[in-house]
PDB file of all heavy atoms in Angstrom:
ATOM      1  N   GLN A   1     -12.230  -5.396   4.628  1.00  0.00           N
ATOM      2  CA  GLN A   1     -11.080  -4.599   5.060  1.00  0.00           C
ATOM      3  C   GLN A   1      -9.794  -5.412   5.030  1.00  0.00           C
ATOM      4  O   GLN A   1      -8.746  -4.911   4.606  1.00  0.00           O
ATOM      5  CB  GLN A   1     -11.328  -4.036   6.453  1.00  0.00           C
ATOM      6  CG  GLN A   1     -12.426  -2.985   6.501  1.00  0.00           C
ATOM      7  CD  GLN A   1     -12.709  -2.514   7.903  1.00  0.00           C
ATOM      8  OE1 GLN A   1     -11.827  -2.475   8.749  1.00  0.00           O
ATOM      9  NE2 GLN A   1     -13.959  -2.182   8.176  1.00  0.00           N
ATOM     10  N   ARG A   2      -9.860  -6.660   5.477  1.00  0.00           N
ATOM     11  CA  ARG A   2      -8.665  -7.508   5.463  1.00  0.00           C
ATOM     12  C   ARG A   2      -8.184  -7.735   4.027  1.00  0.00           C
ATOM     13  O   ARG A   2      -6.991  -7.664   3.732  1.00  0.00           O
ATOM     14  CB  ARG A   2      -8.969  -8.851   6.140  1.00  0.00           C
ATOM     15  CG  ARG A   2      -8.906  -8.801   7.656  1.00  0.00           C
ATOM     16  CD  ARG A   2      -8.964 -10.197   8.263  1.00  0.00           C
ATOM     17  NE  ARG A   2     -10.277 -10.806   8.092  1.00  0.00           N
ATOM     18  CZ  ARG A   2     -11.279 -10.656   8.958  1.00  0.00           C
ATOM     19  NH1 ARG A   2     -11.108  -9.913  10.049  1.00  0.00           N
ATOM     20  NH2 ARG A   2     -12.440 -11.241   8.746  1.00  0.00           N
ATOM     21  N   THR A   3      -9.132  -7.979   3.143  1.00  0.00           N
ATOM     22  CA  THR A   3      -8.789  -8.217   1.739  1.00  0.00           C
ATOM     23  C   THR A   3      -8.159  -6.978   1.108  1.00  0.00           C
ATOM     24  O   THR A   3      -7.119  -7.056   0.451  1.00  0.00           O
ATOM     25  CB  THR A   3     -10.051  -8.622   0.946  1.00  0.00           C
ATOM     26  OG1 THR A   3     -10.607  -9.800   1.523  1.00  0.00           O
ATOM     27  CG2 THR A   3      -9.726  -8.875  -0.511  1.00  0.00           C
ATOM     28  N   ILE A   4      -8.798  -5.829   1.312  1.00  0.00           N
ATOM     29  CA  ILE A   4      -8.314  -4.587   0.703  1.00  0.00           C
ATOM     30  C   ILE A   4      -6.964  -4.186   1.290  1.00  0.00           C
ATOM     31  O   ILE A   4      -6.075  -3.708   0.577  1.00  0.00           O
ATOM     32  CB  ILE A   4      -9.364  -3.467   0.872  1.00  0.00           C
ATOM     33  CG1 ILE A   4     -10.607  -3.797   0.036  1.00  0.00           C
ATOM     34  CG2 ILE A   4      -8.791  -2.114   0.449  1.00  0.00           C
ATOM     35  CD1 ILE A   4     -11.797  -2.897   0.290  1.00  0.00           C
ATOM     36  N   SER A   5      -6.765  -4.397   2.595  1.00  0.00           N
ATOM     37  CA  SER A   5      -5.476  -4.078   3.219  1.00  0.00           C
ATOM     38  C   SER A   5      -4.346  -4.872   2.584  1.00  0.00           C
ATOM     39  O   SER A   5      -3.231  -4.364   2.399  1.00  0.00           O
ATOM     40  CB  SER A   5      -5.522  -4.362   4.721  1.00  0.00           C
ATOM     41  OG  SER A   5      -6.310  -3.399   5.380  1.00  0.00           O
ATOM     42  N   ALA A   6      -4.614  -6.114   2.240  1.00  0.00           N
ATOM     43  CA  ALA A   6      -3.592  -6.940   1.581  1.00  0.00           C
ATOM     44  C   ALA A   6      -3.250  -6.366   0.202  1.00  0.00           C
ATOM     45  O   ALA A   6      -2.075  -6.333  -0.198  1.00  0.00           O
ATOM     46  CB  ALA A   6      -4.090  -8.377   1.449  1.00  0.00           C
ATOM     47  N   TYR A   7      -4.266  -5.912  -0.517  1.00  0.00           N
ATOM     48  CA  TYR A   7      -4.011  -5.294  -1.822  1.00  0.00           C
ATOM     49  C   TYR A   7      -3.204  -4.006  -1.675  1.00  0.00           C
ATOM     50  O   TYR A   7      -2.310  -3.722  -2.482  1.00  0.00           O
ATOM     51  CB  TYR A   7      -5.338  -5.005  -2.540  1.00  0.00           C
ATOM     52  CG  TYR A   7      -6.103  -6.231  -2.968  1.00  0.00           C
ATOM     53  CD1 TYR A   7      -7.481  -6.308  -2.789  1.00  0.00           C
ATOM     54  CD2 TYR A   7      -5.459  -7.304  -3.563  1.00  0.00           C
ATOM     55  CE1 TYR A   7      -8.198  -7.430  -3.184  1.00  0.00           C
ATOM     56  CE2 TYR A   7      -6.164  -8.436  -3.967  1.00  0.00           C
ATOM     57  CZ  TYR A   7      -7.528  -8.494  -3.762  1.00  0.00           C
ATOM     58  OH  TYR A   7      -8.231  -9.600  -4.162  1.00  0.00           O
ATOM     59  N   ILE A   8      -3.514  -3.223  -0.653  1.00  0.00           N
ATOM     60  CA  ILE A   8      -2.775  -1.976  -0.418  1.00  0.00           C
ATOM     61  C   ILE A   8      -1.294  -2.279  -0.175  1.00  0.00           C
ATOM     62  O   ILE A   8      -0.405  -1.608  -0.716  1.00  0.00           O
ATOM     63  CB  ILE A   8      -3.373  -1.213   0.787  1.00  0.00           C
ATOM     64  CG1 ILE A   8      -4.762  -0.664   0.446  1.00  0.00           C
ATOM     65  CG2 ILE A   8      -2.454  -0.067   1.212  1.00  0.00           C
ATOM     66  CD1 ILE A   8      -5.496  -0.059   1.624  1.00  0.00           C
ATOM     67  N   LYS A   9      -1.001  -3.282   0.639  1.00  0.00           N
ATOM     68  CA  LYS A   9       0.393  -3.648   0.932  1.00  0.00           C
ATOM     69  C   LYS A   9       1.132  -4.085  -0.327  1.00  0.00           C
ATOM     70  O   LYS A   9       2.299  -3.761  -0.529  1.00  0.00           O
ATOM     71  CB  LYS A   9       0.427  -4.770   1.979  1.00  0.00           C
ATOM     72  CG  LYS A   9       0.025  -4.307   3.370  1.00  0.00           C
ATOM     73  CD  LYS A   9      -0.040  -5.468   4.348  1.00  0.00           C
ATOM     74  CE  LYS A   9      -0.504  -4.983   5.723  1.00  0.00           C
ATOM     75  NZ  LYS A   9      -0.709  -6.109   6.667  1.00  0.00           N
ATOM     76  N   THR A  10       0.434  -4.806  -1.195  1.00  0.00           N
ATOM     77  CA  THR A  10       1.045  -5.252  -2.452  1.00  0.00           C
ATOM     78  C   THR A  10       1.414  -4.072  -3.340  1.00  0.00           C
ATOM     79  O   THR A  10       2.514  -4.012  -3.901  1.00  0.00           O
ATOM     80  CB  THR A  10       0.076  -6.192  -3.204  1.00  0.00           C
ATOM     81  OG1 THR A  10      -0.251  -7.293  -2.366  1.00  0.00           O
ATOM     82  CG2 THR A  10       0.699  -6.699  -4.488  1.00  0.00           C
ATOM     83  N   VAL A  11       0.477  -3.126  -3.475  1.00  0.00           N
ATOM     84  CA  VAL A  11       0.725  -1.942  -4.304  1.00  0.00           C
ATOM     85  C   VAL A  11       1.835  -1.079  -3.686  1.00  0.00           C
ATOM     86  O   VAL A  11       2.719  -0.585  -4.392  1.00  0.00           O
ATOM     87  CB  VAL A  11      -0.578  -1.127  -4.477  1.00  0.00           C
ATOM     88  CG1 VAL A  11      -0.289   0.241  -5.079  1.00  0.00           C
ATOM     89  CG2 VAL A  11      -1.567  -1.896  -5.348  1.00  0.00           C
ATOM     90  N   ASP A  12       1.803  -0.904  -2.368  1.00  0.00           N
ATOM     91  CA  ASP A  12       2.826  -0.115  -1.683  1.00  0.00           C
ATOM     92  C   ASP A  12       4.215  -0.701  -1.935  1.00  0.00           C
ATOM     93  O   ASP A  12       5.167   0.029  -2.242  1.00  0.00           O
ATOM     94  CB  ASP A  12       2.522  -0.082  -0.189  1.00  0.00           C
ATOM     95  CG  ASP A  12       3.463   0.818   0.580  1.00  0.00           C
ATOM     96  OD1 ASP A  12       3.422   2.041   0.347  1.00  0.00           O
ATOM     97  OD2 ASP A  12       4.251   0.294   1.406  1.00  0.00           O
ATOM     98  N   ALA A  13       4.332  -2.020  -1.811  1.00  0.00           N
ATOM     99  CA  ALA A  13       5.620  -2.680  -2.029  1.00  0.00           C
ATOM    100  C   ALA A  13       6.095  -2.503  -3.467  1.00  0.00           C
ATOM    101  O   ALA A  13       7.287  -2.280  -3.728  1.00  0.00           O
ATOM    102  CB  ALA A  13       5.502  -4.171  -1.684  1.00  0.00           C
ATOM    103  N   ALA A  14       5.161  -2.581  -4.427  1.00  0.00           N
ATOM    104  CA  ALA A  14       5.512  -2.422  -5.843  1.00  0.00           C
ATOM    105  C   ALA A  14       6.023  -1.008  -6.126  1.00  0.00           C
ATOM    106  O   ALA A  14       7.000  -0.814  -6.868  1.00  0.00           O
ATOM    107  CB  ALA A  14       4.312  -2.741  -6.721  1.00  0.00           C
ATOM    108  N   LEU A  15       5.396  -0.010  -5.531  1.00  0.00           N
ATOM    109  CA  LEU A  15       5.836   1.373  -5.723  1.00  0.00           C
ATOM    110  C   LEU A  15       7.221   1.588  -5.118  1.00  0.00           C
ATOM    111  O   LEU A  15       8.119   2.154  -5.759  1.00  0.00           O
ATOM    112  CB  LEU A  15       4.828   2.336  -5.077  1.00  0.00           C
ATOM    113  CG  LEU A  15       3.455   2.453  -5.754  1.00  0.00           C
ATOM    114  CD1 LEU A  15       2.477   3.200  -4.866  1.00  0.00           C
ATOM    115  CD2 LEU A  15       3.575   3.154  -7.104  1.00  0.00           C
ATOM    116  N   ARG A  16       7.387   1.137  -3.880  1.00  0.00           N
ATOM    117  CA  ARG A  16       8.677   1.322  -3.214  1.00  0.00           C
ATOM    118  C   ARG A  16       9.782   0.534  -3.898  1.00  0.00           C
ATOM    119  O   ARG A  16      10.943   0.966  -3.915  1.00  0.00           O
ATOM    120  CB  ARG A  16       8.561   0.918  -1.740  1.00  0.00           C
ATOM    121  CG  ARG A  16       7.636   1.832  -0.936  1.00  0.00           C
ATOM    122  CD  ARG A  16       7.543   1.425   0.523  1.00  0.00           C
ATOM    123  NE  ARG A  16       6.523   2.180   1.226  1.00  0.00           N
ATOM    124  CZ  ARG A  16       6.693   3.414   1.705  1.00  0.00           C
ATOM    125  NH1 ARG A  16       7.865   4.020   1.550  1.00  0.00           N
ATOM    126  NH2 ARG A  16       5.717   4.031   2.330  1.00  0.00           N
ATOM    127  N   GLY A  17       9.425  -0.607  -4.475  1.00  0.00           N
ATOM    128  CA  GLY A  17      10.405  -1.410  -5.202  1.00  0.00           C
ATOM    129  C   GLY A  17      10.956  -0.710  -6.428  1.00  0.00           C
ATOM    130  O   GLY A  17      12.005  -1.079  -6.953  1.00  0.00           O
ATOM    131  N   ARG A  18      10.239   0.308  -6.897  1.00  0.00           N
ATOM    132  CA  ARG A  18      10.700   1.114  -8.042  1.00  0.00           C
ATOM    133  C   ARG A  18      11.193   2.489  -7.601  1.00  0.00           C
ATOM    134  O   ARG A  18      11.243   3.431  -8.387  1.00  0.00           O
ATOM    135  CB  ARG A  18       9.559   1.253  -9.061  1.00  0.00           C
ATOM    136  CG  ARG A  18       9.282  -0.047  -9.802  1.00  0.00           C
ATOM    137  CD  ARG A  18       7.930  -0.026 -10.484  1.00  0.00           C
ATOM    138  NE  ARG A  18       7.694  -1.227 -11.284  1.00  0.00           N
ATOM    139  CZ  ARG A  18       7.382  -2.416 -10.789  1.00  0.00           C
ATOM    140  NH1 ARG A  18       7.267  -2.560  -9.478  1.00  0.00           N
ATOM    141  NH2 ARG A  18       7.191  -3.457 -11.573  1.00  0.00           N
ATOM    142  N   ASN A  19      11.502   2.593  -6.306  1.00  0.00           N
ATOM    143  CA  ASN A  19      11.996   3.851  -5.720  1.00  0.00           C
ATOM    144  C   ASN A  19      11.014   5.003  -5.887  1.00  0.00           C
ATOM    145  O   ASN A  19      11.407   6.157  -6.072  1.00  0.00           O
ATOM    146  CB  ASN A  19      13.363   4.234  -6.325  1.00  0.00           C
ATOM    147  CG  ASN A  19      14.444   3.232  -5.964  1.00  0.00           C
ATOM    148  OD1 ASN A  19      14.506   2.773  -4.829  1.00  0.00           O
ATOM    149  ND2 ASN A  19      15.277   2.894  -6.935  1.00  0.00           N
ATOM    150  N   LEU A  20       9.727   4.675  -5.842  1.00  0.00           N
ATOM    151  CA  LEU A  20       8.679   5.687  -5.899  1.00  0.00           C
ATOM    152  C   LEU A  20       8.073   5.857  -4.511  1.00  0.00           C
ATOM    153  O   LEU A  20       8.271   5.020  -3.625  1.00  0.00           O
ATOM    154  CB  LEU A  20       7.591   5.266  -6.888  1.00  0.00           C
ATOM    155  CG  LEU A  20       8.035   5.081  -8.340  1.00  0.00           C
ATOM    156  CD1 LEU A  20       6.941   4.419  -9.163  1.00  0.00           C
ATOM    157  CD2 LEU A  20       8.428   6.421  -8.951  1.00  0.00           C
ATOM    158  N   THR A  21       7.334   6.930  -4.322  1.00  0.00           N
ATOM    159  CA  THR A  21       6.658   7.148  -3.047  1.00  0.00           C
ATOM    160  C   THR A  21       5.583   6.095  -2.843  1.00  0.00           C
ATOM    161  O   THR A  21       4.778   5.832  -3.741  1.00  0.00           O
ATOM    162  CB  THR A  21       6.006   8.551  -3.028  1.00  0.00           C
ATOM    163  OG1 THR A  21       7.011   9.526  -3.294  1.00  0.00           O
ATOM    164  CG2 THR A  21       5.374   8.834  -1.668  1.00  0.00           C
ATOM    165  N   GLY A  22       5.566   5.472  -1.653  1.00  0.00           N
ATOM    166  CA  GLY A  22       4.545   4.479  -1.350  1.00  0.00           C
ATOM    167  C   GLY A  22       3.184   5.122  -1.186  1.00  0.00           C
ATOM    168  O   GLY A  22       3.028   6.336  -1.310  1.00  0.00           O
ATOM    169  N   VAL A  23       2.188   4.299  -0.896  1.00  0.00           N
ATOM    170  CA  VAL A  23       0.832   4.832  -0.745  1.00  0.00           C
ATOM    171  C   VAL A  23       0.758   5.721   0.490  1.00  0.00           C
ATOM    172  O   VAL A  23       1.479   5.494   1.470  1.00  0.00           O
ATOM    173  CB  VAL A  23      -0.212   3.700  -0.648  1.00  0.00           C
ATOM    174  CG1 VAL A  23      -0.184   2.822  -1.869  1.00  0.00           C
ATOM    175  CG2 VAL A  23      -0.018   2.877   0.616  1.00  0.00           C
ATOM    176  N   PRO A  24      -0.081   6.755   0.476  1.00  0.00           N
ATOM    177  CA  PRO A  24      -0.230   7.626   1.649  1.00  0.00           C
ATOM    178  C   PRO A  24      -0.662   6.854   2.887  1.00  0.00           C
ATOM    179  O   PRO A  24      -1.343   5.825   2.790  1.00  0.00           O
ATOM    180  CB  PRO A  24      -1.318   8.622   1.208  1.00  0.00           C
ATOM    181  CG  PRO A  24      -1.224   8.646  -0.287  1.00  0.00           C
ATOM    182  CD  PRO A  24      -0.857   7.246  -0.686  1.00  0.00           C
ATOM    183  N   ASP A  25      -0.282   7.354   4.051  1.00  0.00           N
ATOM    184  CA  ASP A  25      -0.559   6.678   5.321  1.00  0.00           C
ATOM    185  C   ASP A  25      -2.046   6.484   5.574  1.00  0.00           C
ATOM    186  O   ASP A  25      -2.447   5.516   6.225  1.00  0.00           O
ATOM    187  CB  ASP A  25       0.056   7.451   6.493  1.00  0.00           C
ATOM    188  CG  ASP A  25       1.580   7.410   6.464  1.00  0.00           C
ATOM    189  OD1 ASP A  25       2.125   6.486   5.820  1.00  0.00           O
ATOM    190  OD2 ASP A  25       2.208   8.287   7.073  1.00  0.00           O
ATOM    191  N   ASP A  26      -2.882   7.409   5.073  1.00  0.00           N
ATOM    192  CA  ASP A  26      -4.297   7.324   5.407  1.00  0.00           C
ATOM    193  C   ASP A  26      -5.033   6.216   4.656  1.00  0.00           C
ATOM    194  O   ASP A  26      -6.234   6.049   4.797  1.00  0.00           O
ATOM    195  CB  ASP A  26      -5.007   8.669   5.212  1.00  0.00           C
ATOM    196  CG  ASP A  26      -5.017   9.117   3.760  1.00  0.00           C
ATOM    197  OD1 ASP A  26      -4.497   8.385   2.896  1.00  0.00           O
ATOM    198  OD2 ASP A  26      -5.560  10.204   3.481  1.00  0.00           O
ATOM    199  N   TYR A  27      -4.310   5.424   3.858  1.00  0.00           N
ATOM    200  CA  TYR A  27      -4.931   4.255   3.240  1.00  0.00           C
ATOM    201  C   TYR A  27      -5.232   3.180   4.287  1.00  0.00           C
ATOM    202  O   TYR A  27      -6.089   2.344   4.072  1.00  0.00           O
ATOM    203  CB  TYR A  27      -4.011   3.641   2.183  1.00  0.00           C
ATOM    204  CG  TYR A  27      -3.993   4.358   0.858  1.00  0.00           C
ATOM    205  CD1 TYR A  27      -4.318   5.709   0.744  1.00  0.00           C
ATOM    206  CD2 TYR A  27      -3.632   3.686  -0.306  1.00  0.00           C
ATOM    207  CE1 TYR A  27      -4.283   6.356  -0.458  1.00  0.00           C
ATOM    208  CE2 TYR A  27      -3.581   4.335  -1.525  1.00  0.00           C
ATOM    209  CZ  TYR A  27      -3.906   5.672  -1.607  1.00  0.00           C
ATOM    210  OH  TYR A  27      -3.871   6.311  -2.810  1.00  0.00           O
ATOM    211  N   TYR A  28      -4.488   3.192   5.414  1.00  0.00           N
ATOM    212  CA  TYR A  28      -4.682   2.208   6.491  1.00  0.00           C
ATOM    213  C   TYR A  28      -5.136   2.928   7.730  1.00  0.00           C
ATOM    214  O   TYR A  28      -4.717   4.053   7.971  1.00  0.00           O
ATOM    215  CB  TYR A  28      -3.382   1.505   6.878  1.00  0.00           C
ATOM    216  CG  TYR A  28      -2.531   0.937   5.822  1.00  0.00           C
ATOM    217  CD1 TYR A  28      -1.532   1.697   5.228  1.00  0.00           C
ATOM    218  CD2 TYR A  28      -2.671  -0.385   5.437  1.00  0.00           C
ATOM    219  CE1 TYR A  28      -0.684   1.149   4.280  1.00  0.00           C
ATOM    220  CE2 TYR A  28      -1.816  -0.937   4.493  1.00  0.00           C
ATOM    221  CZ  TYR A  28      -0.820  -0.171   3.923  1.00  0.00           C
ATOM    222  OH  TYR A  28       0.010  -0.720   3.003  1.00  0.00           O
ATOM    223  N   PRO A  29      -5.675   2.195   8.709  1.00  0.00           N
ATOM    224  CA  PRO A  29      -6.653   1.143   8.447  1.00  0.00           C
ATOM    225  C   PRO A  29      -8.013   1.798   8.380  1.00  0.00           C
ATOM    226  O   PRO A  29      -8.118   3.016   8.521  1.00  0.00           O
ATOM    227  CB  PRO A  29      -6.523   0.261   9.711  1.00  0.00           C
ATOM    228  CG  PRO A  29      -6.219   1.249  10.798  1.00  0.00           C
ATOM    229  CD  PRO A  29      -5.410   2.357  10.153  1.00  0.00           C
ATOM    230  N   ARG A  30      -9.045   1.034   8.234  1.00  0.00           N
ATOM    231  CA  ARG A  30     -10.396   1.627   8.243  1.00  0.00           C
ATOM    232  C   ARG A  30     -10.715   2.074   9.649  1.00  0.00           C
ATOM    233  O   ARG A  30     -10.377   1.410  10.612  1.00  0.00           O
ATOM    234  CB  ARG A  30     -11.428   0.585   7.796  1.00  0.00           C
ATOM    235  CG  ARG A  30     -11.327   0.243   6.319  1.00  0.00           C
ATOM    236  CD  ARG A  30     -11.656   1.406   5.423  1.00  0.00           C
ATOM    237  NE  ARG A  30     -13.023   1.848   5.594  1.00  0.00           N
ATOM    238  CZ  ARG A  30     -13.484   3.002   5.165  1.00  0.00           C
ATOM    239  NH1 ARG A  30     -12.701   3.852   4.580  1.00  0.00           N
ATOM    240  NH2 ARG A  30     -14.746   3.316   5.340  1.00  0.00           N
TER     241      ARG A  30
END
């Protein structure tokens, strides 16, 4: 869970950095 949460944050930041919608809220936490 800790590992996957870090990956989720990375992807979320990349999406928002391109002015796109970030990952849905239900991706966190388990």
